[in-house]
Protein backbone atom coordinates (compact mmCIF):
# COMPACT_ATOMS: atom_id res chain seq x y z
CA MET A 1 -6.02 22.23 -24.53
CA ASP A 2 -9.60 22.46 -23.31
CA VAL A 3 -10.17 19.67 -20.74
CA LYS A 4 -13.45 19.16 -18.94
CA ILE A 5 -14.05 16.06 -16.82
CA SER A 6 -17.11 14.56 -15.15
CA ILE A 7 -16.00 12.65 -12.06
CA LEU A 8 -18.55 9.94 -11.27
CA ILE A 9 -18.70 8.25 -7.87
CA PRO A 10 -21.18 5.49 -7.04
CA CYS A 11 -21.63 5.12 -3.29
CA TYR A 12 -23.06 2.40 -1.09
CA ASN A 13 -22.93 2.60 2.72
CA TRP A 14 -19.59 4.39 2.83
CA ASN A 15 -18.44 7.68 4.35
CA THR A 16 -17.03 9.24 1.20
CA SER A 17 -17.28 12.91 2.22
CA LYS A 18 -13.59 13.37 3.07
CA PHE A 19 -12.45 11.70 -0.16
CA ILE A 20 -14.73 13.88 -2.29
CA LYS A 21 -13.62 17.04 -0.46
CA ASP A 22 -9.96 16.09 -1.03
CA LEU A 23 -10.74 15.33 -4.67
CA HIS A 24 -12.49 18.70 -5.02
CA VAL A 25 -9.41 20.52 -3.69
CA LEU A 26 -7.23 18.59 -6.12
CA CYS A 27 -9.43 19.57 -9.06
CA THR A 28 -9.45 23.27 -8.15
CA LYS A 29 -5.64 23.22 -7.82
CA THR A 30 -5.07 21.65 -11.24
CA PRO A 31 -4.66 24.61 -13.64
CA SER A 32 -4.88 22.50 -16.81
CA LEU A 33 -8.39 21.37 -15.87
CA ASN A 34 -10.74 23.88 -17.50
CA ASP A 35 -13.90 22.67 -15.83
CA PHE A 36 -15.14 19.72 -13.82
CA GLU A 37 -18.10 18.27 -12.01
CA ILE A 38 -18.29 15.62 -9.31
CA ILE A 39 -21.47 13.54 -9.22
CA CYS A 40 -22.03 11.15 -6.33
CA ILE A 41 -25.09 8.92 -6.15
CA GLU A 42 -26.04 6.78 -3.15
CA ASP A 43 -27.16 3.44 -4.55
CA GLY A 44 -29.84 2.45 -2.03
CA SER A 45 -27.58 3.10 0.97
CA THR A 46 -28.97 2.58 4.45
CA ASN A 47 -26.29 4.74 6.08
CA TYR A 48 -25.42 8.15 4.61
CA PHE A 49 -22.85 9.25 7.22
CA SER A 50 -21.96 12.91 6.52
CA ASN A 51 -22.05 12.54 2.75
CA ASN A 52 -24.73 15.20 2.25
CA SER A 53 -22.16 17.82 3.36
CA ILE A 54 -20.53 17.63 -0.08
CA GLN A 55 -23.56 19.43 -1.56
CA LYS A 56 -22.10 22.69 -0.27
CA LEU A 57 -19.13 22.36 -2.62
CA LYS A 58 -19.15 24.12 -5.97
CA HIS A 59 -19.32 21.75 -9.00
CA VAL A 60 -20.58 18.89 -6.82
CA LYS A 61 -23.92 17.09 -7.18
CA TYR A 62 -25.22 14.58 -4.68
CA GLU A 63 -28.22 12.30 -5.16
CA ILE A 64 -29.87 9.49 -3.23
CA LEU A 65 -31.52 6.43 -4.74
CA LYS A 66 -33.90 4.74 -2.33
CA LYS A 67 -33.54 1.40 -4.12
CA ASN A 68 -30.25 -0.33 -4.91
CA ILE A 69 -29.88 -0.82 -8.68
CA GLY A 70 -26.50 -2.57 -8.68
CA ARG A 71 -22.85 -1.90 -9.54
CA SER A 72 -23.36 -1.88 -13.32
CA ALA A 73 -26.61 0.10 -13.51
CA ILE A 74 -25.38 2.82 -11.14
CA ARG A 75 -22.36 3.51 -13.35
CA ASN A 76 -24.57 3.68 -16.44
CA LEU A 77 -26.87 6.11 -14.64
CA LEU A 78 -23.97 8.33 -13.57
CA ALA A 79 -22.75 8.50 -17.18
CA LYS A 80 -26.19 9.65 -18.36
CA LYS A 81 -26.11 12.52 -15.87
CA ALA A 82 -22.60 13.64 -16.85
CA CYS A 83 -22.22 16.94 -18.72
CA PHE A 84 -18.66 16.73 -20.01
CA GLU A 85 -16.77 14.87 -22.72
CA TRP A 86 -14.58 12.72 -20.47
CA LEU A 87 -15.83 10.48 -17.67
CA LEU A 88 -13.65 9.59 -14.70
CA PHE A 89 -15.24 6.81 -12.65
CA ILE A 90 -13.95 6.34 -9.11
CA ASP A 91 -15.12 3.96 -6.37
CA CYS A 92 -16.26 5.74 -3.22
CA ASP A 93 -13.97 3.79 -0.84
CA SER A 94 -10.84 5.50 -2.13
CA LYS A 95 -8.13 7.79 -0.79
CA ILE A 96 -5.83 10.20 -2.64
CA ALA A 97 -2.32 8.80 -3.03
CA THR A 98 -0.66 11.59 -5.04
CA GLU A 99 -1.35 15.25 -5.76
CA HIS A 100 -0.89 14.49 -9.48
CA PHE A 101 -3.88 12.11 -9.66
CA ILE A 102 -6.08 14.39 -11.79
CA LEU A 103 -3.14 15.75 -13.77
CA ASN A 104 -2.10 12.21 -14.76
CA TYR A 105 -5.52 11.58 -16.26
CA ILE A 106 -5.34 14.90 -18.11
CA GLU A 107 -2.04 13.72 -19.58
CA ALA A 108 -3.84 10.54 -20.69
CA ILE A 109 -6.40 12.70 -22.52
CA ARG A 110 -3.58 14.59 -24.24
CA THR A 111 -2.00 11.30 -25.30
CA SER A 112 -5.33 10.14 -26.66
CA ARG A 113 -5.76 13.32 -28.70
CA ASP A 114 -2.21 13.07 -30.05
CA LEU A 115 -2.86 9.49 -31.17
CA GLN A 116 -6.03 10.59 -32.91
CA GLN A 117 -4.22 13.37 -34.76
CA GLN A 118 -1.38 11.05 -35.87
CA ILE A 119 -3.84 8.58 -37.36
CA LYS A 120 -5.85 11.36 -39.05
CA ASN A 121 -2.65 12.57 -40.70
CA ARG A 122 -2.09 9.10 -42.20
CA VAL A 123 -5.62 8.16 -43.17
CA ASN A 124 -8.33 10.37 -44.65
CA ASN A 125 -11.35 8.45 -43.39
CA ILE A 126 -10.88 7.19 -39.85
CA ALA A 127 -13.12 6.70 -36.84
CA ASN A 128 -12.62 8.83 -33.76
CA THR A 129 -9.82 6.79 -32.19
CA ARG A 130 -9.76 8.59 -28.86
CA ASN A 131 -13.11 6.96 -28.20
CA SER A 132 -11.33 3.60 -28.34
CA TYR A 133 -9.03 4.19 -25.37
CA ILE A 134 -9.79 3.50 -21.72
CA TYR A 135 -7.18 4.56 -19.18
CA TYR A 136 -7.02 3.09 -15.70
CA GLY A 137 -4.54 3.40 -12.87
CA GLU A 138 -3.11 1.42 -10.00
CA SER A 139 -4.93 0.41 -6.82
CA LEU A 140 -2.86 0.60 -3.65
CA TYR A 141 -3.60 -1.13 -0.37
CA GLU A 142 -2.26 0.35 2.83
CA LYS A 143 0.21 -1.94 4.60
CA LYS A 144 -0.72 -0.98 8.15
CA GLU A 145 -2.02 -3.75 10.41
CA THR A 146 -5.69 -4.53 10.00
CA LYS A 147 -8.18 -7.22 10.98
CA ASN A 148 -9.12 -7.58 7.31
CA THR A 149 -6.02 -9.65 6.58
CA LEU A 150 -7.30 -11.78 3.67
CA HIS A 151 -8.55 -8.81 1.62
CA GLN A 152 -5.38 -6.84 2.37
CA LYS A 153 -3.03 -9.72 1.46
CA TYR A 154 -4.97 -10.52 -1.71
CA GLY A 155 -5.04 -6.84 -2.69
CA ASN A 156 -1.31 -6.27 -2.14
CA LYS A 157 0.07 -9.50 -3.55
CA ILE A 158 -2.37 -10.39 -6.35
CA GLU A 159 -4.97 -7.77 -7.26
CA SER A 160 -2.65 -4.75 -7.42
CA LYS A 161 -0.10 -6.64 -9.55
CA ARG A 162 -2.48 -8.16 -12.10
CA LYS A 163 -4.03 -4.76 -12.89
CA LYS A 164 -1.33 -4.19 -15.49
CA ASP A 165 -3.03 -6.81 -17.65
CA ILE A 166 -6.59 -6.98 -16.32
CA PHE A 167 -8.89 -3.96 -16.29
CA SER A 168 -10.26 -2.84 -12.94
CA SER A 169 -13.09 -0.34 -12.51
CA HIS A 170 -11.70 1.06 -9.25
CA HIS A 171 -10.81 4.22 -11.18
CA PHE A 172 -10.77 4.70 -14.93
CA LEU A 173 -11.17 7.34 -17.64
CA ILE A 174 -13.33 6.87 -20.73
CA HIS A 175 -14.70 9.13 -23.44
CA LYS A 176 -18.44 9.72 -23.04
CA LEU A 177 -19.24 8.61 -26.60
CA ALA A 178 -17.37 5.36 -26.07
CA PHE A 179 -19.24 4.62 -22.88
CA LYS A 180 -22.54 5.44 -24.54
CA GLN A 181 -21.85 2.83 -27.21
CA ASN A 182 -20.93 0.04 -24.78
CA GLN A 183 -22.08 0.30 -21.18
CA PHE A 184 -21.79 -2.07 -18.23
CA ASP A 185 -24.01 -5.15 -18.40
CA GLU A 186 -26.96 -4.41 -16.14
CA ASN A 187 -27.78 -8.11 -15.93
CA ILE A 188 -24.85 -8.26 -13.51
CA THR A 189 -26.38 -6.74 -10.40
CA THR A 190 -24.12 -8.24 -7.72
CA TYR A 191 -20.44 -7.92 -6.82
CA GLY A 192 -17.73 -9.42 -8.98
CA TYR A 193 -16.17 -9.60 -12.47
CA GLU A 194 -18.40 -6.93 -14.05
CA ASP A 195 -15.27 -4.94 -14.98
CA VAL A 196 -13.34 -7.95 -16.33
CA LEU A 197 -16.34 -8.94 -18.45
CA PHE A 198 -16.62 -5.33 -19.67
CA GLN A 199 -13.04 -5.56 -20.90
CA ILE A 200 -13.55 -8.90 -22.63
CA LYS A 201 -16.81 -7.99 -24.33
CA HIS A 202 -15.92 -4.57 -25.74
CA PRO A 203 -13.38 -3.71 -28.49
CA TYR A 204 -11.44 -0.99 -26.69
CA TYR A 205 -7.75 -0.43 -25.93
CA PHE A 206 -7.41 -0.74 -22.17
CA GLN A 207 -4.33 1.25 -21.20
CA HIS A 208 -2.87 0.86 -17.71
CA ILE A 209 -1.11 4.04 -16.55
CA LYS A 210 1.03 4.81 -13.54
CA ASN A 211 -1.55 6.70 -11.51
CA PRO A 212 -2.17 5.22 -8.05
CA LEU A 213 -5.18 5.58 -5.78
CA TYR A 214 -5.68 3.90 -2.42
CA HIS A 215 -8.48 1.37 -2.06
CA ILE A 216 -9.35 1.57 1.64
CA GLY A 217 -12.70 -0.23 1.72
CA LEU A 218 -11.30 -3.52 3.01
CA LYS A 219 -13.82 -6.15 4.05
CA ASN A 220 -13.35 -8.54 6.95
CA ASN A 221 -12.32 -12.09 6.03
CA GLU A 222 -15.83 -13.52 6.17
CA ASN A 223 -17.43 -10.81 4.01
CA PHE A 224 -14.55 -10.87 1.54
CA ILE A 225 -15.03 -14.62 1.03
CA LYS A 226 -18.79 -14.12 0.58
CA ASP A 227 -18.20 -11.40 -2.03
CA CYS A 228 -15.78 -13.65 -3.91
CA GLU A 229 -18.40 -16.42 -3.90
CA THR A 230 -20.93 -13.95 -5.32
CA GLY A 231 -18.49 -13.01 -8.08
CA LEU A 232 -17.97 -16.68 -8.95
CA LYS A 233 -21.75 -17.04 -9.32
CA ASN A 234 -21.58 -14.27 -11.94
CA LEU A 235 -18.88 -16.24 -13.77
CA LEU A 236 -20.98 -19.40 -13.81
CA LYS A 237 -23.14 -17.86 -16.54
CA TYR A 238 -20.11 -17.89 -18.85
CA ASN A 239 -18.66 -21.35 -18.16
CA ARG A 240 -19.47 -22.43 -21.75
CA ASP A 241 -18.36 -19.24 -23.50
CA LYS A 242 -15.01 -20.15 -25.14
CA ASN A 243 -13.98 -16.51 -25.68
CA ILE A 244 -14.41 -15.67 -22.00
CA ILE A 245 -12.92 -18.99 -20.80
CA ARG A 246 -9.68 -18.17 -22.66
CA LYS A 247 -9.32 -14.86 -20.84
CA ILE A 248 -10.31 -15.66 -17.24
CA LYS A 249 -7.79 -17.89 -15.49
CA LEU A 250 -10.23 -19.64 -13.15
CA LEU A 251 -12.56 -20.57 -16.02
CA LYS A 252 -9.58 -21.79 -18.01
CA TRP A 253 -8.46 -24.07 -15.14
CA ALA A 254 -12.00 -25.39 -14.68
CA SER A 255 -12.16 -26.18 -18.40
CA ILE A 256 -8.76 -27.95 -18.37
CA LEU A 257 -9.73 -30.06 -15.35
CA ALA A 258 -12.99 -31.04 -17.04
CA PHE A 259 -11.14 -31.99 -20.26
CA TRP A 260 -8.71 -34.29 -18.41
CA GLY A 261 -11.42 -35.80 -16.21
CA LEU A 262 -9.94 -34.27 -13.05
CA ARG A 263 -12.92 -32.21 -11.96
CA LYS A 264 -14.43 -34.89 -9.71
CA PRO A 265 -11.13 -35.76 -7.93
CA ILE A 266 -10.44 -32.08 -7.21
CA LEU A 267 -14.01 -31.61 -6.04
CA PHE A 268 -13.69 -34.66 -3.79
CA VAL A 269 -10.59 -33.17 -2.12
CA PHE A 270 -12.32 -29.78 -1.83
CA ASN A 271 -15.37 -31.23 -0.08
CA ILE A 272 -13.17 -33.07 2.44
CA LEU A 273 -10.95 -30.08 3.19
CA LYS A 274 -13.47 -27.24 2.86
CA SER A 275 -14.03 -26.68 6.59
CA LEU A 276 -10.27 -26.75 7.31
CA ILE A 277 -9.58 -24.33 4.45
CA LEU A 278 -12.24 -21.92 5.74
CA THR A 279 -10.72 -22.11 9.24
CA ASN A 280 -7.42 -20.93 7.76
CA LEU A 281 -9.01 -18.23 5.59
CA LEU A 282 -10.86 -16.78 8.57
CA SER A 283 -7.71 -16.72 10.69
CA LYS A 284 -5.20 -13.90 11.23
CA ASN A 285 -2.77 -15.52 8.79
CA PRO A 286 -4.78 -16.78 5.81
CA SER A 287 -3.02 -18.58 2.96
CA LEU A 288 -3.51 -17.08 -0.51
CA LEU A 289 -2.74 -20.47 -2.07
CA LEU A 290 -5.58 -22.04 -0.08
CA PHE A 291 -7.82 -19.11 -1.05
CA GLN A 292 -7.15 -19.73 -4.74
CA PHE A 293 -7.91 -23.44 -4.27
CA TYR A 294 -11.09 -22.55 -2.36
CA LYS A 295 -12.31 -20.39 -5.25
CA LEU A 296 -11.61 -23.15 -7.76
CA GLY A 297 -13.34 -25.78 -5.60
CA PHE A 298 -16.33 -23.53 -4.96
CA PHE A 299 -16.71 -22.89 -8.68
CA LEU A 300 -16.42 -26.59 -9.57
CA LYS A 301 -19.07 -27.37 -6.96
CA MET A 302 -21.44 -24.85 -8.56
CA GLU A 303 -20.75 -26.31 -12.00
CA CYS A 304 -21.48 -29.80 -10.69
CA ASP A 305 -24.74 -28.69 -9.05
CA LEU A 306 -25.77 -26.92 -12.25
CA GLY A 307 -25.06 -30.05 -14.27
CA GLU A 308 -27.23 -32.11 -11.94
CA LYS A 309 -30.13 -29.69 -12.38
CA ARG A 310 -29.86 -29.88 -16.17
CA LYS A 311 -30.22 -33.68 -16.17
């Protein structure tokens, strides 16, 4: 089977040189990979570290954008520059977890081609079904002690577990034609929910596979909370979209509270306890339950402010 993969890595202020070098070694050692390319683009980074050293590697391209274009647009740009049929997107703040990482995605391509052939055998006129499958693997968080306790706890106990049902763009494989038909929404320029919204909006089969990769770019507690707040601002645009509300738990809870007239009482409690909750979340032992309540309260507060502006 002829397999050629374009590995696409958006980068922003992260030393990704070691990861790309390790990834390059992995690709060259995988005999079933006929050809590959690794494209890394700095998205308006202000610190390049030693990333330019990857240019010396065969099959590797490295580019620098002076202006940041955002998490969605940078992925769309990488796809346009790709030469091969299959696109493997990987976040730059990653670390190899298994020597079978590339091989597991090749197996996913084989599965996709087998499915296509089975359907072709049954039906004479059928669309190219392999274009309908998106494969994505697990995200692991190292359990060693770190100052970034909230991000680490949330990653280990919530984010890594829910990936079986909810698509994450940390690393995923997609056919180039499929991505060309439905790209990431470039109206979402900031952090948060762009991958979940991609899953909801597009009619693909999102297949979770057992293929782990470490996510090592942990943020400190304060920055992690700020990023989550930014993501909630992205969600605010969809607080009246019934299709999206049904599929995003926080929006569903906000809608239920509004229906039962409980939004104001919850918001009242949130406003009173907000400073105490933040004290806990910024501590060395943050509560994930309080973090979930903080996100709900923060979102309800934004909804309330938006409603006041519309009056």
